[in-house]
């Protein structure tokens, strides 16, 4: 069982690091010391949850490390706060340090985050924003928006593949959040 858990954690870390791709391999610079022109892509996603927004947010987002419960079904991903107290500027470490994220925005029912640049690595300006948006007194939408710079991809097919992979991963996370919030 411990071996399966270790293998699962390795797979999650690889998946999160790959999906984030802030650590990815860049395309060759256009000229010495330059990078390709940015190609920003927004990836909006949402799911309706049959619970009030405040209840949903308490289960899936009020704790900046709640993602450990919903990012991968069946295997809780380790998440620790390495700096801060849950306010803007708080830093979380995901999957035993495979991914670092910094909270950049916070509201009553949402937060934004980014992954910091790493020296010598392509920086894709990866940002995420998650919020529970009330529909009425008994339901809400979980809205998750990613923003990435896809300029390091070789061609449109590679960009489309990367966006599709991210969308699949995070729509799965939204489905997991819905299930957790609705008590399923």
C-alpha atoms as a PDB file:
ATOM      1  CA  UNK A   1       0.000   0.000   0.000  1.00  0.00           C
ATOM      2  CA  UNK A   2       2.858   2.372   0.832  1.00  0.00           C
ATOM      3  CA  UNK A   3       4.441   1.669  -2.576  1.00  0.00           C
ATOM      4  CA  UNK A   4       1.150   2.507  -4.318  1.00  0.00           C
ATOM      5  CA  UNK A   5       0.895   5.727  -2.327  1.00  0.00           C
ATOM      6  CA  UNK A   6       4.472   6.674  -3.251  1.00  0.00           C
ATOM      7  CA  UNK A   7       3.837   5.927  -6.933  1.00  0.00           C
ATOM      8  CA  UNK A   8       0.593   7.927  -6.855  1.00  0.00           C
ATOM      9  CA  UNK A   9       2.345  10.919  -5.264  1.00  0.00           C
ATOM     10  CA  UNK A  10       5.097  10.798  -7.894  1.00  0.00           C
ATOM     11  CA  UNK A  11       2.483  10.758 -10.652  1.00  0.00           C
ATOM     12  CA  UNK A  12       0.635  13.708  -9.092  1.00  0.00           C
ATOM     13  CA  UNK A  13       3.838  15.722  -8.735  1.00  0.00           C
ATOM     14  CA  UNK A  14       4.765  15.039 -12.348  1.00  0.00           C
ATOM     15  CA  UNK A  15       1.268  15.950 -13.515  1.00  0.00           C
ATOM     16  CA  UNK A  16       1.121  19.206 -11.557  1.00  0.00           C
ATOM     17  CA  UNK A  17       4.582  20.249 -12.660  1.00  0.00           C
ATOM     18  CA  UNK A  18       3.747  19.390 -16.257  1.00  0.00           C
ATOM     19  CA  UNK A  19       0.403  21.139 -16.181  1.00  0.00           C
ATOM     20  CA  UNK A  20       1.989  24.213 -14.693  1.00  0.00           C
ATOM     21  CA  UNK A  21       4.909  24.100 -17.151  1.00  0.00           C
ATOM     22  CA  UNK A  22       6.535  27.101 -15.529  1.00  0.00           C
ATOM     23  CA  UNK A  23       9.415  24.664 -15.316  1.00  0.00           C
ATOM     24  CA  UNK A  24       9.020  23.584 -18.954  1.00  0.00           C
ATOM     25  CA  UNK A  25      11.519  23.733 -21.787  1.00  0.00           C
ATOM     26  CA  UNK A  26      11.297  26.992 -23.716  1.00  0.00           C
ATOM     27  CA  UNK A  27      11.392  27.424 -27.446  1.00  0.00           C
ATOM     28  CA  UNK A  28      14.688  28.770 -28.674  1.00  0.00           C
ATOM     29  CA  UNK A  29      15.037  32.512 -28.054  1.00  0.00           C
ATOM     30  CA  UNK A  30      14.234  34.638 -31.103  1.00  0.00           C
ATOM     31  CA  UNK A  31      17.616  36.347 -30.683  1.00  0.00           C
ATOM     32  CA  UNK A  32      20.361  36.182 -28.098  1.00  0.00           C
ATOM     33  CA  UNK A  33      18.841  36.976 -24.691  1.00  0.00           C
ATOM     34  CA  UNK A  34      15.231  37.266 -25.884  1.00  0.00           C
ATOM     35  CA  UNK A  35      12.158  35.082 -25.720  1.00  0.00           C
ATOM     36  CA  UNK A  36       9.373  34.693 -28.253  1.00  0.00           C
ATOM     37  CA  UNK A  37       6.600  37.284 -28.211  1.00  0.00           C
ATOM     38  CA  UNK A  38       3.988  36.355 -25.575  1.00  0.00           C
ATOM     39  CA  UNK A  39       0.940  34.335 -26.622  1.00  0.00           C
ATOM     40  CA  UNK A  40      -1.373  34.633 -23.614  1.00  0.00           C
ATOM     41  CA  UNK A  41      -4.201  32.144 -23.412  1.00  0.00           C
ATOM     42  CA  UNK A  42      -7.079  32.331 -20.926  1.00  0.00           C
ATOM     43  CA  UNK A  43      -8.754  29.036 -20.044  1.00  0.00           C
ATOM     44  CA  UNK A  44     -12.122  29.718 -18.344  1.00  0.00           C
ATOM     45  CA  UNK A  45     -13.977  26.796 -16.750  1.00  0.00           C
ATOM     46  CA  UNK A  46     -17.003  26.493 -14.468  1.00  0.00           C
ATOM     47  CA  UNK A  47     -19.347  24.021 -12.853  1.00  0.00           C
ATOM     48  CA  UNK A  48     -22.651  24.477 -11.024  1.00  0.00           C
ATOM     49  CA  UNK A  49     -22.787  23.262  -7.430  1.00  0.00           C
ATOM     50  CA  UNK A  50     -26.048  22.632  -5.596  1.00  0.00           C
ATOM     51  CA  UNK A  51     -24.970  24.261  -2.350  1.00  0.00           C
ATOM     52  CA  UNK A  52     -24.694  27.890  -1.225  1.00  0.00           C
ATOM     53  CA  UNK A  53     -21.478  29.636  -2.260  1.00  0.00           C
ATOM     54  CA  UNK A  54     -20.277  30.241   1.307  1.00  0.00           C
ATOM     55  CA  UNK A  55     -20.659  26.544   2.202  1.00  0.00           C
ATOM     56  CA  UNK A  56     -18.868  25.503  -0.985  1.00  0.00           C
ATOM     57  CA  UNK A  57     -16.009  27.926  -0.418  1.00  0.00           C
ATOM     58  CA  UNK A  58     -15.592  26.732   3.174  1.00  0.00           C
ATOM     59  CA  UNK A  59     -14.986  23.208   1.846  1.00  0.00           C
ATOM     60  CA  UNK A  60     -12.888  23.845  -1.253  1.00  0.00           C
ATOM     61  CA  UNK A  61     -11.168  27.199  -1.019  1.00  0.00           C
ATOM     62  CA  UNK A  62     -11.148  28.939   2.343  1.00  0.00           C
ATOM     63  CA  UNK A  63      -7.902  27.130   3.167  1.00  0.00           C
ATOM     64  CA  UNK A  64      -5.269  27.914   0.497  1.00  0.00           C
ATOM     65  CA  UNK A  65      -4.134  24.283   0.769  1.00  0.00           C
ATOM     66  CA  UNK A  66      -7.610  22.790   0.239  1.00  0.00           C
ATOM     67  CA  UNK A  67      -6.487  21.823  -3.262  1.00  0.00           C
ATOM     68  CA  UNK A  68      -4.753  18.815  -1.732  1.00  0.00           C
ATOM     69  CA  UNK A  69      -8.220  17.291  -1.299  1.00  0.00           C
ATOM     70  CA  UNK A  70      -9.604  17.952  -4.796  1.00  0.00           C
ATOM     71  CA  UNK A  71      -6.771  18.199  -7.315  1.00  0.00           C
ATOM     72  CA  UNK A  72      -6.500  14.401  -7.726  1.00  0.00           C
ATOM     73  CA  UNK A  73      -9.279  11.938  -6.897  1.00  0.00           C
ATOM     74  CA  UNK A  74      -8.344   9.095  -4.564  1.00  0.00           C
ATOM     75  CA  UNK A  75      -4.922  10.450  -3.593  1.00  0.00           C
ATOM     76  CA  UNK A  76      -4.686  13.512  -1.384  1.00  0.00           C
ATOM     77  CA  UNK A  77      -1.838  15.713  -2.604  1.00  0.00           C
ATOM     78  CA  UNK A  78       0.437  17.137   0.083  1.00  0.00           C
ATOM     79  CA  UNK A  79       0.146  20.905   0.368  1.00  0.00           C
ATOM     80  CA  UNK A  80       1.830  23.036   2.988  1.00  0.00           C
ATOM     81  CA  UNK A  81       1.888  26.752   3.632  1.00  0.00           C
ATOM     82  CA  UNK A  82       5.549  27.742   3.612  1.00  0.00           C
ATOM     83  CA  UNK A  83       5.024  31.467   4.181  1.00  0.00           C
ATOM     84  CA  UNK A  84       2.118  33.655   5.233  1.00  0.00           C
ATOM     85  CA  UNK A  85      -1.219  33.164   6.958  1.00  0.00           C
ATOM     86  CA  UNK A  86      -3.712  32.709   4.110  1.00  0.00           C
ATOM     87  CA  UNK A  87      -3.686  36.296   2.881  1.00  0.00           C
ATOM     88  CA  UNK A  88      -2.239  37.813  -0.298  1.00  0.00           C
ATOM     89  CA  UNK A  89       1.439  36.894  -0.383  1.00  0.00           C
ATOM     90  CA  UNK A  90       0.927  33.455   1.200  1.00  0.00           C
ATOM     91  CA  UNK A  91       3.073  30.756  -0.418  1.00  0.00           C
ATOM     92  CA  UNK A  92       2.035  27.118  -0.743  1.00  0.00           C
ATOM     93  CA  UNK A  93       4.172  24.133  -1.624  1.00  0.00           C
ATOM     94  CA  UNK A  94       2.334  21.384  -3.527  1.00  0.00           C
ATOM     95  CA  UNK A  95       3.331  17.728  -3.938  1.00  0.00           C
ATOM     96  CA  UNK A  96       6.345  17.962  -1.637  1.00  0.00           C
ATOM     97  CA  UNK A  97       7.812  21.018  -3.360  1.00  0.00           C
ATOM     98  CA  UNK A  98       7.189  20.025  -6.984  1.00  0.00           C
ATOM     99  CA  UNK A  99       5.099  23.192  -7.419  1.00  0.00           C
ATOM    100  CA  UNK A 100       5.202  26.524  -5.592  1.00  0.00           C
ATOM    101  CA  UNK A 101       2.315  28.987  -5.786  1.00  0.00           C
ATOM    102  CA  UNK A 102       1.899  32.493  -4.374  1.00  0.00           C
ATOM    103  CA  UNK A 103      -1.520  33.980  -3.560  1.00  0.00           C
ATOM    104  CA  UNK A 104      -1.888  37.177  -5.595  1.00  0.00           C
ATOM    105  CA  UNK A 105      -5.507  38.103  -4.876  1.00  0.00           C
ATOM    106  CA  UNK A 106      -8.178  37.249  -2.325  1.00  0.00           C
ATOM    107  CA  UNK A 107     -11.870  37.950  -1.880  1.00  0.00           C
ATOM    108  CA  UNK A 108     -14.537  36.555   0.411  1.00  0.00           C
ATOM    109  CA  UNK A 109     -15.206  33.634  -1.964  1.00  0.00           C
ATOM    110  CA  UNK A 110     -12.138  33.477  -4.196  1.00  0.00           C
ATOM    111  CA  UNK A 111      -8.409  33.716  -4.605  1.00  0.00           C
ATOM    112  CA  UNK A 112      -5.844  34.147  -7.341  1.00  0.00           C
ATOM    113  CA  UNK A 113      -2.363  32.709  -7.477  1.00  0.00           C
ATOM    114  CA  UNK A 114       0.723  32.515  -9.635  1.00  0.00           C
ATOM    115  CA  UNK A 115       3.755  30.319  -9.912  1.00  0.00           C
ATOM    116  CA  UNK A 116       6.982  32.269  -9.509  1.00  0.00           C
ATOM    117  CA  UNK A 117       9.639  32.296 -12.195  1.00  0.00           C
ATOM    118  CA  UNK A 118      12.582  29.946 -11.752  1.00  0.00           C
ATOM    119  CA  UNK A 119      16.025  31.067 -12.786  1.00  0.00           C
ATOM    120  CA  UNK A 120      17.032  29.729 -16.191  1.00  0.00           C
ATOM    121  CA  UNK A 121      13.570  28.293 -16.935  1.00  0.00           C
ATOM    122  CA  UNK A 122      10.823  29.441 -19.286  1.00  0.00           C
ATOM    123  CA  UNK A 123       8.277  31.541 -17.419  1.00  0.00           C
ATOM    124  CA  UNK A 124       4.798  31.111 -18.847  1.00  0.00           C
ATOM    125  CA  UNK A 125       3.130  33.710 -16.602  1.00  0.00           C
ATOM    126  CA  UNK A 126       0.990  30.915 -15.110  1.00  0.00           C
ATOM    127  CA  UNK A 127      -1.890  32.333 -13.064  1.00  0.00           C
ATOM    128  CA  UNK A 128      -5.045  30.793 -11.693  1.00  0.00           C
ATOM    129  CA  UNK A 129      -8.180  32.256 -10.176  1.00  0.00           C
ATOM    130  CA  UNK A 130     -10.781  30.206  -8.315  1.00  0.00           C
ATOM    131  CA  UNK A 131     -14.042  31.522  -6.944  1.00  0.00           C
ATOM    132  CA  UNK A 132     -17.440  30.379  -5.720  1.00  0.00           C
ATOM    133  CA  UNK A 133     -19.921  32.678  -7.462  1.00  0.00           C
ATOM    134  CA  UNK A 134     -23.455  32.678  -5.970  1.00  0.00           C
ATOM    135  CA  UNK A 135     -26.335  31.858  -8.335  1.00  0.00           C
ATOM    136  CA  UNK A 136     -29.057  31.973  -5.682  1.00  0.00           C
ATOM    137  CA  UNK A 137     -29.434  31.095  -1.983  1.00  0.00           C
ATOM    138  CA  UNK A 138     -29.053  27.358  -2.655  1.00  0.00           C
ATOM    139  CA  UNK A 139     -26.502  27.103  -5.479  1.00  0.00           C
ATOM    140  CA  UNK A 140     -23.367  28.586  -6.966  1.00  0.00           C
ATOM    141  CA  UNK A 141     -20.881  28.242  -9.768  1.00  0.00           C
ATOM    142  CA  UNK A 142     -17.300  27.327  -9.129  1.00  0.00           C
ATOM    143  CA  UNK A 143     -15.351  29.350 -11.664  1.00  0.00           C
ATOM    144  CA  UNK A 144     -11.712  28.490 -12.364  1.00  0.00           C
ATOM    145  CA  UNK A 145      -9.719  30.541 -14.835  1.00  0.00           C
ATOM    146  CA  UNK A 146      -6.144  29.846 -15.859  1.00  0.00           C
ATOM    147  CA  UNK A 147      -3.868  32.209 -17.776  1.00  0.00           C
ATOM    148  CA  UNK A 148      -0.694  30.970 -19.449  1.00  0.00           C
ATOM    149  CA  UNK A 149       1.794  32.181 -22.037  1.00  0.00           C
ATOM    150  CA  UNK A 150       1.902  29.487 -24.737  1.00  0.00           C
ATOM    151  CA  UNK A 151       4.728  31.126 -26.736  1.00  0.00           C
ATOM    152  CA  UNK A 152       7.186  28.375 -25.834  1.00  0.00           C
ATOM    153  CA  UNK A 153       5.198  25.783 -27.791  1.00  0.00           C
ATOM    154  CA  UNK A 154       6.518  24.784 -31.230  1.00  0.00           C
ATOM    155  CA  UNK A 155       3.264  25.333 -33.136  1.00  0.00           C
ATOM    156  CA  UNK A 156      -0.499  25.709 -32.844  1.00  0.00           C
ATOM    157  CA  UNK A 157      -1.008  21.952 -32.468  1.00  0.00           C
ATOM    158  CA  UNK A 158       1.328  21.931 -29.450  1.00  0.00           C
ATOM    159  CA  UNK A 159      -0.465  24.949 -27.948  1.00  0.00           C
ATOM    160  CA  UNK A 160      -3.853  23.321 -28.486  1.00  0.00           C
ATOM    161  CA  UNK A 161      -2.633  20.097 -26.860  1.00  0.00           C
ATOM    162  CA  UNK A 162      -1.285  21.962 -23.815  1.00  0.00           C
ATOM    163  CA  UNK A 163      -4.531  23.913 -23.362  1.00  0.00           C
ATOM    164  CA  UNK A 164      -6.598  20.718 -23.738  1.00  0.00           C
ATOM    165  CA  UNK A 165      -4.479  18.941 -21.102  1.00  0.00           C
ATOM    166  CA  UNK A 166      -4.822  21.821 -18.663  1.00  0.00           C
ATOM    167  CA  UNK A 167      -8.571  22.027 -19.286  1.00  0.00           C
ATOM    168  CA  UNK A 168      -9.005  18.280 -18.735  1.00  0.00           C
ATOM    169  CA  UNK A 169      -7.014  18.400 -15.478  1.00  0.00           C
ATOM    170  CA  UNK A 170      -8.809  21.413 -14.030  1.00  0.00           C
ATOM    171  CA  UNK A 171     -12.304  20.438 -15.180  1.00  0.00           C
ATOM    172  CA  UNK A 172     -11.616  17.184 -13.324  1.00  0.00           C
ATOM    173  CA  UNK A 173     -10.625  19.253 -10.295  1.00  0.00           C
ATOM    174  CA  UNK A 174     -13.887  21.230 -10.568  1.00  0.00           C
ATOM    175  CA  UNK A 175     -15.865  17.960 -10.665  1.00  0.00           C
ATOM    176  CA  UNK A 176     -13.968  16.803  -7.569  1.00  0.00           C
ATOM    177  CA  UNK A 177     -14.751  20.099  -5.809  1.00  0.00           C
ATOM    178  CA  UNK A 178     -18.443  19.742  -6.685  1.00  0.00           C
ATOM    179  CA  UNK A 179     -18.506  16.221  -5.264  1.00  0.00           C
ATOM    180  CA  UNK A 180     -16.701  17.304  -2.094  1.00  0.00           C
ATOM    181  CA  UNK A 181     -18.939  20.360  -1.633  1.00  0.00           C
ATOM    182  CA  UNK A 182     -22.177  18.469  -2.221  1.00  0.00           C
ATOM    183  CA  UNK A 183     -21.107  15.746   0.206  1.00  0.00           C
ATOM    184  CA  UNK A 184     -20.765  12.976  -2.394  1.00  0.00           C
END
